[in-house]
Protein backbone atom coordinates (compact mmCIF):
# COMPACT_ATOMS: atom_id res chain seq x y z
CA MET A 1 -15.59 19.54 -14.39
CA LYS A 2 -12.61 19.31 -12.04
CA SER A 3 -13.74 22.37 -10.07
CA LEU A 4 -17.24 20.92 -9.71
CA LEU A 5 -15.80 17.58 -8.60
CA LEU A 6 -13.58 19.27 -6.03
CA ALA A 7 -16.53 21.28 -4.66
CA VAL A 8 -18.63 18.12 -4.28
CA LEU A 9 -15.80 16.23 -2.61
CA LEU A 10 -15.02 19.06 -0.21
CA PHE A 11 -18.71 19.24 0.78
CA VAL A 12 -18.74 15.51 1.49
CA SER A 13 -15.51 15.80 3.48
CA ILE A 14 -16.90 18.58 5.67
CA SER A 15 -20.16 16.64 6.15
CA TYR A 16 -18.43 13.40 7.17
CA ASN A 17 -18.73 12.96 10.92
CA SER A 18 -16.04 10.51 12.06
CA GLN A 19 -12.44 10.41 13.12
CA ALA A 20 -10.16 13.34 12.36
CA ILE A 21 -7.86 13.30 9.35
CA VAL A 22 -4.29 14.12 10.38
CA ASP A 23 -1.80 15.81 8.03
CA LYS A 24 1.76 14.48 8.28
CA THR A 25 5.08 15.41 6.66
CA ILE A 26 8.31 13.45 6.26
CA THR A 27 11.47 14.13 4.26
CA SER A 28 12.26 11.58 1.57
CA GLY A 29 15.04 11.96 -0.97
CA GLY A 30 15.59 15.50 0.27
CA ILE A 31 11.97 16.48 -0.47
CA ALA A 32 9.26 17.30 2.07
CA ARG A 33 6.49 14.79 1.40
CA THR A 34 3.00 14.94 2.87
CA TYR A 35 0.21 12.49 3.54
CA LYS A 36 -3.20 12.38 5.21
CA LEU A 37 -3.72 9.70 7.84
CA TYR A 38 -7.06 8.28 8.92
CA VAL A 39 -7.05 6.23 12.13
CA PRO A 40 -10.48 4.79 13.04
CA ALA A 41 -11.89 5.12 16.54
CA SER A 42 -11.77 1.33 16.80
CA TYR A 43 -7.95 1.31 16.60
CA SER A 44 -6.13 -0.01 19.68
CA ALA A 45 -2.37 -0.10 20.10
CA ALA A 46 -2.76 -3.57 21.62
CA THR A 47 -4.04 -5.03 18.33
CA PRO A 48 -2.02 -4.99 15.09
CA ALA A 49 -3.95 -3.20 12.34
CA ALA A 50 -3.76 -3.49 8.57
CA LEU A 51 -2.61 -0.45 6.59
CA VAL A 52 -4.14 0.63 3.26
CA VAL A 53 -2.21 3.07 1.05
CA ASN A 54 -4.73 4.95 -1.14
CA MET A 55 -3.26 7.08 -3.96
CA HIS A 56 -4.76 9.82 -6.13
CA GLY A 57 -4.68 10.13 -9.89
CA LEU A 58 -2.78 12.48 -12.19
CA GLY A 59 -3.61 16.09 -11.30
CA GLY A 60 -5.43 15.03 -8.14
CA ASN A 61 -4.46 15.22 -4.51
CA SER A 62 -4.67 13.21 -1.32
CA LEU A 63 -7.91 14.84 -0.12
CA GLN A 64 -9.72 14.15 -3.38
CA GLN A 65 -8.73 10.48 -3.30
CA LEU A 66 -9.67 10.17 0.38
CA ILE A 67 -13.24 11.06 -0.60
CA TYR A 68 -13.51 9.72 -4.17
CA GLY A 69 -12.19 6.26 -3.27
CA ASP A 70 -13.47 6.42 0.31
CA PHE A 71 -12.55 3.53 2.64
CA ARG A 72 -13.30 5.34 5.92
CA SER A 73 -16.64 3.76 6.78
CA ILE A 74 -15.19 0.30 6.14
CA ALA A 75 -12.10 1.09 8.23
CA ASP A 76 -14.35 2.16 11.10
CA THR A 77 -15.75 -1.35 11.41
CA ALA A 78 -12.90 -3.48 10.04
CA ASN A 79 -10.25 -1.62 12.10
CA PHE A 80 -7.57 -0.71 9.58
CA ILE A 81 -5.61 2.51 9.07
CA ILE A 82 -5.71 4.41 5.77
CA VAL A 83 -2.96 6.66 4.48
CA HIS A 84 -3.46 9.03 1.53
CA PRO A 85 -0.05 10.18 0.27
CA GLN A 86 0.50 13.23 -1.95
CA GLY A 87 2.40 12.98 -5.23
CA THR A 88 4.87 15.63 -6.39
CA PHE A 89 4.23 18.41 -8.90
CA GLU A 90 5.81 17.72 -12.28
CA SER A 91 6.61 21.13 -13.76
CA THR A 92 8.22 20.33 -17.14
CA MET A 93 5.58 18.47 -19.16
CA LEU A 94 2.62 17.31 -17.08
CA MET A 95 2.22 20.46 -14.97
CA ALA A 96 0.33 18.37 -12.42
CA ASN A 97 0.68 16.25 -9.30
CA TYR A 98 1.75 12.76 -10.27
CA TRP A 99 3.36 9.47 -9.22
CA ASN A 100 6.59 8.29 -10.83
CA ALA A 101 5.40 4.73 -11.40
CA TYR A 102 8.23 3.75 -13.75
CA PHE A 103 7.66 6.78 -15.95
CA GLY A 104 11.36 7.65 -15.92
CA GLY A 105 11.13 10.71 -13.67
CA ALA A 106 13.72 11.74 -11.08
CA VAL A 107 11.50 11.50 -7.98
CA ASP A 108 11.77 8.15 -6.16
CA ASP A 109 8.17 7.57 -5.10
CA ILE A 110 8.78 3.92 -4.21
CA ARG A 111 11.32 5.08 -1.63
CA PHE A 112 8.87 7.69 -0.31
CA ILE A 113 6.09 5.13 0.16
CA ALA A 114 8.53 2.74 1.87
CA GLU A 115 9.70 5.43 4.30
CA MET A 116 6.14 6.57 4.91
CA ILE A 117 5.10 3.01 5.80
CA ASP A 118 8.07 2.72 8.18
CA THR A 119 7.19 6.03 9.83
CA ILE A 120 3.57 5.00 10.34
CA SER A 121 4.69 1.61 11.68
CA SER A 122 6.88 3.33 14.26
CA ASN A 123 3.90 5.29 15.55
CA TYR A 124 1.13 2.71 15.29
CA ASN A 125 0.87 -1.04 15.77
CA ILE A 126 0.83 -2.01 12.09
CA ASP A 127 0.68 -5.64 11.03
CA ILE A 128 3.59 -5.63 8.57
CA ASN A 129 2.11 -8.69 6.84
CA ARG A 130 -1.08 -6.74 5.98
CA VAL A 131 0.05 -3.62 4.14
CA HIS A 132 -1.89 -3.03 0.92
CA ALA A 133 -1.92 -0.40 -1.84
CA THR A 134 -4.60 0.92 -4.16
CA GLY A 135 -5.18 3.98 -6.31
CA MET A 136 -7.08 5.61 -9.13
CA SER A 137 -5.52 6.04 -12.58
CA ASN A 138 -1.92 7.26 -12.00
CA GLY A 139 -2.42 6.04 -8.42
CA GLY A 140 -3.31 2.64 -9.88
CA TYR A 141 -0.06 2.70 -11.85
CA MET A 142 1.72 3.46 -8.57
CA SER A 143 0.07 0.58 -6.71
CA LEU A 144 1.34 -1.81 -9.40
CA ALA A 145 4.78 -0.17 -9.23
CA LEU A 146 4.82 -0.92 -5.50
CA ALA A 147 3.85 -4.52 -6.24
CA ALA A 148 7.03 -4.81 -8.28
CA GLY A 149 9.46 -2.52 -6.47
CA LEU A 150 8.28 -2.79 -2.87
CA ARG A 151 6.86 -6.27 -2.74
CA ASP A 152 8.75 -7.07 0.46
CA LYS A 153 6.32 -4.68 2.21
CA ILE A 154 3.15 -5.00 0.13
CA ALA A 155 0.78 -7.95 0.52
CA SER A 156 -1.67 -7.08 -2.25
CA VAL A 157 -2.60 -4.23 -4.57
CA ALA A 158 -5.69 -3.04 -6.43
CA SER A 159 -5.39 -0.79 -9.46
CA VAL A 160 -8.49 1.11 -10.57
CA THR A 161 -8.14 2.40 -14.15
CA GLY A 162 -4.33 2.25 -13.87
CA SER A 163 -1.84 0.20 -15.85
CA MET A 164 1.89 -0.50 -16.23
CA THR A 165 4.29 1.54 -18.35
CA ARG A 166 6.50 -0.01 -20.99
CA MET A 167 9.46 0.81 -18.71
CA PHE A 168 8.07 -1.50 -16.00
CA PRO A 169 10.66 -4.04 -14.75
CA THR A 170 10.69 -7.23 -16.79
CA THR A 171 11.17 -9.12 -13.52
CA PRO A 172 10.10 -7.77 -10.12
CA THR A 173 12.88 -6.93 -7.68
CA ASN A 174 12.51 -9.97 -5.40
CA ASN A 175 10.65 -13.23 -5.12
CA TYR A 176 7.68 -12.34 -2.90
CA ALA A 177 4.29 -13.27 -4.28
CA VAL A 178 1.75 -10.42 -4.29
CA SER A 179 -1.94 -10.66 -5.12
CA VAL A 180 -3.19 -8.19 -7.75
CA MET A 181 -6.65 -6.84 -8.57
CA GLN A 182 -7.26 -4.82 -11.73
CA ILE A 183 -10.51 -2.88 -12.24
CA HIS A 184 -10.81 -1.38 -15.71
CA GLY A 185 -13.39 -0.23 -18.25
CA THR A 186 -13.17 -1.31 -21.88
CA ALA A 187 -14.22 2.20 -23.03
CA ASP A 188 -11.57 4.01 -20.95
CA SER A 189 -10.13 6.64 -23.28
CA THR A 190 -7.60 7.94 -20.72
CA VAL A 191 -5.82 4.67 -19.92
CA LYS A 192 -6.80 2.50 -22.85
CA TYR A 193 -7.77 -1.12 -22.25
CA ALA A 194 -5.82 -2.12 -25.36
CA GLY A 195 -2.74 -0.13 -24.31
CA ASP A 196 -0.84 2.55 -26.18
CA ALA A 197 2.70 3.78 -26.78
CA THR A 198 3.20 4.46 -23.06
CA SER A 199 1.33 1.63 -21.35
CA ILE A 200 0.79 -2.08 -21.90
CA SER A 201 -2.68 -3.53 -22.48
CA ILE A 202 -4.77 -4.78 -19.57
CA PRO A 203 -4.63 -8.41 -20.82
CA SER A 204 -0.81 -8.10 -20.92
CA LEU A 205 -0.84 -6.66 -17.41
CA LEU A 206 -2.86 -9.61 -16.16
CA ASN A 207 -0.56 -12.10 -17.89
CA TYR A 208 2.47 -10.47 -16.25
CA TRP A 209 1.12 -11.13 -12.75
CA ILE A 210 -0.43 -14.51 -13.61
CA SER A 211 3.01 -15.65 -14.77
CA TYR A 212 4.89 -14.12 -11.86
CA ASN A 213 2.57 -15.48 -9.17
CA ASN A 214 2.22 -18.81 -11.01
CA THR A 215 -1.56 -18.81 -10.72
CA ASN A 216 -3.96 -20.89 -12.77
CA THR A 217 -4.04 -19.60 -16.34
CA THR A 218 -7.71 -20.44 -16.82
CA PRO A 219 -9.91 -18.11 -14.78
CA VAL A 220 -13.15 -18.66 -12.96
CA ILE A 221 -15.56 -16.26 -14.71
CA ASP A 222 -18.49 -14.66 -12.88
CA SER A 223 -20.93 -12.16 -14.31
CA VAL A 224 -21.56 -9.40 -11.79
CA PRO A 225 -25.35 -9.02 -11.41
CA ASP A 226 -26.56 -6.08 -13.50
CA ILE A 227 -28.45 -4.47 -10.62
CA ASN A 228 -28.31 -1.00 -12.17
CA THR A 229 -29.61 -1.11 -15.73
CA THR A 230 -29.17 2.64 -16.32
CA ASP A 231 -25.39 2.91 -15.87
CA ASN A 232 -24.71 1.90 -19.51
CA CYS A 233 -22.16 -0.80 -18.62
CA LYS A 234 -21.82 -4.32 -17.21
CA ALA A 235 -19.08 -6.01 -15.18
CA ILE A 236 -17.45 -9.43 -15.47
CA LYS A 237 -15.14 -10.83 -12.78
CA TYR A 238 -12.18 -13.05 -13.71
CA THR A 239 -10.36 -14.89 -10.91
CA TYR A 240 -6.98 -16.55 -11.47
CA SER A 241 -6.33 -18.46 -8.23
CA GLY A 242 -3.88 -21.09 -6.97
CA GLY A 243 -0.75 -18.90 -7.02
CA ARG A 244 2.35 -19.08 -4.85
CA ASP A 245 1.71 -18.34 -1.17
CA ASN A 246 -2.07 -18.34 -1.84
CA SER A 247 -1.76 -15.40 -4.24
CA GLU A 248 -4.31 -14.69 -6.94
CA VAL A 249 -5.01 -12.26 -9.77
CA VAL A 250 -8.52 -10.81 -10.05
CA HIS A 251 -9.89 -8.66 -12.86
CA TYR A 252 -13.15 -6.73 -12.93
CA LYS A 253 -13.70 -6.03 -16.63
CA ILE A 254 -16.30 -3.28 -17.03
CA VAL A 255 -17.75 -3.64 -20.50
CA GLY A 256 -18.57 -0.12 -21.70
CA GLY A 257 -17.14 1.46 -18.56
CA GLU A 258 -14.98 4.58 -18.75
CA HIS A 259 -12.25 6.14 -16.60
CA SER A 260 -13.97 6.00 -13.20
CA TRP A 261 -14.14 4.33 -9.78
CA PRO A 262 -17.16 1.98 -9.64
CA ASN A 263 -19.93 3.29 -7.37
CA ALA A 264 -17.98 6.45 -6.49
CA ILE A 265 -19.84 9.43 -5.07
CA VAL A 266 -19.70 11.24 -8.44
CA ASN A 267 -19.71 10.04 -12.04
CA LEU A 268 -16.63 10.64 -14.15
CA GLY A 269 -17.92 9.42 -17.46
CA VAL A 270 -19.69 6.05 -17.59
CA THR A 271 -19.43 4.77 -14.00
CA ASN A 272 -20.45 1.24 -13.06
CA ARG A 273 -23.09 1.02 -10.32
CA ASP A 274 -23.39 -2.77 -10.15
CA PHE A 275 -20.67 -3.18 -7.52
CA ASP A 276 -18.76 -1.00 -5.07
CA ALA A 277 -15.04 -0.92 -5.91
CA THR A 278 -14.10 0.14 -2.39
CA LYS A 279 -15.88 -2.83 -0.82
CA VAL A 280 -14.53 -5.45 -3.22
CA ILE A 281 -11.01 -4.03 -2.86
CA TRP A 282 -11.13 -4.30 0.94
CA ASP A 283 -12.57 -7.84 0.74
CA PHE A 284 -9.67 -8.70 -1.58
CA PHE A 285 -7.10 -7.11 0.74
CA ASN A 286 -8.60 -8.83 3.76
CA LYS A 287 -8.03 -12.24 2.14
CA HIS A 288 -4.33 -11.72 1.56
CA GLN A 289 -1.32 -11.25 3.79
CA LYS A 290 2.37 -11.76 3.27
CA VAL A 291 3.93 -15.07 4.20
CA ASN A 292 6.95 -15.06 6.56
CA THR A 293 7.66 -11.35 6.27
CA VAL A 294 10.80 -10.35 8.22
CA GLY A 295 11.91 -6.96 6.93
CA VAL A 296 13.27 -5.03 3.99
CA ASN A 297 15.37 -6.88 1.42
CA LYS A 298 14.73 -10.27 2.97
CA THR A 299 16.35 -12.07 0.05
CA GLU A 300 19.56 -10.10 0.61
CA LYS A 301 19.51 -9.97 4.41
CA PRO A 302 17.39 -12.91 5.59
CA SER A 303 18.98 -12.93 9.06
CA LEU A 304 20.27 -9.42 9.63
CA VAL A 305 19.35 -9.91 13.28
CA SER A 306 17.32 -12.17 15.49
CA PHE A 307 16.14 -11.43 18.99
CA PHE A 308 14.72 -13.04 22.10
CA ASN A 309 12.31 -11.21 24.38
CA ASP A 310 12.93 -12.46 27.93
CA MET A 311 9.92 -10.90 29.66
CA ASN A 312 10.58 -12.69 32.95
CA ASN A 313 14.00 -11.06 33.29
CA SER A 314 13.00 -7.75 31.64
CA ARG A 315 15.53 -7.77 28.83
CA LEU A 316 15.99 -8.31 25.11
CA LYS A 317 18.75 -10.37 23.58
CA ILE A 318 19.64 -9.14 20.08
CA GLU A 319 21.87 -11.45 18.01
CA SER A 320 23.49 -9.93 14.91
CA GLU A 321 25.49 -11.32 12.02
CA LEU A 322 27.60 -8.16 11.68
CA THR A 323 29.97 -7.14 14.49
CA ASP A 324 31.79 -4.24 12.82
CA GLY A 325 29.60 -1.51 14.29
CA ASN A 326 27.59 -1.13 11.07
CA LEU A 327 24.33 -2.10 12.73
CA THR A 328 22.34 0.27 14.92
CA TYR A 329 19.15 -0.38 16.83
CA GLU A 330 16.31 1.87 17.93
CA ILE A 331 13.37 1.13 20.22
CA TYR A 332 10.08 3.05 19.95
CA ASN A 333 6.92 2.93 22.00
CA MET A 334 3.53 2.95 20.32
CA ASN A 335 3.37 6.75 20.58
CA GLY A 336 6.39 6.93 18.27
CA GLN A 337 8.75 8.06 21.03
CA ARG A 338 12.30 6.70 20.91
CA VAL A 339 13.03 5.05 24.24
CA GLY A 340 16.32 3.31 23.52
CA GLY A 341 19.01 2.62 20.96
CA GLY A 342 22.67 2.14 20.20
CA GLN A 343 25.16 0.15 18.14
CA LEU A 344 25.36 -3.63 17.83
CA ILE A 345 29.06 -4.39 18.25
CA ASP A 346 29.01 -7.91 19.69
CA LYS A 347 27.22 -10.96 18.33
CA ALA A 348 24.88 -10.77 21.30
CA THR A 349 23.62 -7.50 22.81
CA PHE A 350 21.40 -7.36 25.89
CA VAL A 351 18.95 -4.49 26.32
CA GLU A 352 17.35 -3.94 29.73
CA THR A 353 13.62 -3.19 29.57
CA HIS A 354 12.76 -3.02 33.29
CA SER A 355 12.40 0.78 33.08
CA PHE A 356 9.88 0.57 30.20
CA ASN A 357 6.19 0.99 30.83
CA SER A 358 3.99 -2.01 30.09
CA GLY A 359 2.87 -2.20 26.48
CA MET A 360 3.91 -2.88 22.89
CA TYR A 361 7.26 -1.65 21.50
CA LEU A 362 8.98 -1.62 18.12
CA LEU A 363 12.61 -2.70 17.67
CA ARG A 364 14.24 -1.51 14.46
CA VAL A 365 17.76 -2.59 13.42
CA THR A 366 19.36 -0.73 10.50
CA GLU A 367 22.53 -1.39 8.52
CA PHE A 368 24.59 1.82 8.28
CA ASN A 369 24.38 3.66 4.95
CA SER A 370 21.91 1.12 3.61
CA LEU A 371 18.18 0.57 3.22
CA ASN A 372 18.51 -2.88 4.82
CA PHE A 373 16.71 -3.17 8.12
CA ASN A 374 14.62 -5.52 10.24
CA THR A 375 11.71 -4.57 12.46
CA PHE A 376 10.22 -6.54 15.34
CA LYS A 377 7.45 -5.89 17.81
CA PHE A 378 7.76 -7.02 21.43
CA LEU A 379 5.71 -6.78 24.57
CA VAL A 380 6.76 -5.55 27.99
CA LYS A 381 4.61 -6.83 30.87
């Protein structure tokens, strides 16, 4: 079955006539990590674009997920960038590619995704308030792990047939609200709707995020029109709205549905054909953005730096709260080239920009030997 699926997906990939898919590699936690990047032809460095992180399931890979949960045609018209990261191979028990979404493994996949997002943001004009994550199965687990462990970067997540492990944090790591969508079949025998010894039930998952986001506890219930009467399942949509910072929790409950992505190109068991998961996920993402995002660890470093872009006099003024040399700054153009940098020693540092070409630039300030940093975009006329 897997070999047939891979053959079908590869055929579709070769047949797809659109923008090129670029393979990238970064080092995270001492490990070379790869991802596939899709940038639509509509992208312009002058306009901030949303970023969608799309993650494969257990035993899958980035190419399979790119095609199975395919956002490319939507990205072409809606102008967002898609990244398809690759999990690591677990060689002791699973013997498969996987995501360590609070499963207790040694690989820090939350750190990898964070560093991948930063790398992409240094090369493209990414709207840091519109970074979203989705995935199938183990990739769905990982999207929910990012909602808890990387919520300072993630605006909303959509898990398809994923869940949360029983080692999931009781309380997320900071106070950002994050909207959550969960798409799940009641007949899923791989990630059971009722939960098991490893994972919590889907109702418990929903209650976790309803409580955290402080949404309404009584949902609006909509029956999804049963437009395909031969798919052996029906879908019901539950919407828990009114949460902090306009957050919400949405659940597509597929009655009789199995472990599959609704309306995917191939059936993996009973697959719902009444709605397109990819379309509803993007519509959900497009509704939600972060509120007042500044940078990493905002609750710990809410004012690591501030800056003033004096375009008339061609200079930046960077004001820092630390003056012990533990802050460094880097400036990148939209091609990802470093065009300036140094240490912040005084409370106010002036950076001349008269030699820069006109366009958008990224300023990144990092605290030495720490993951704390702030990023800003500025324009040079």
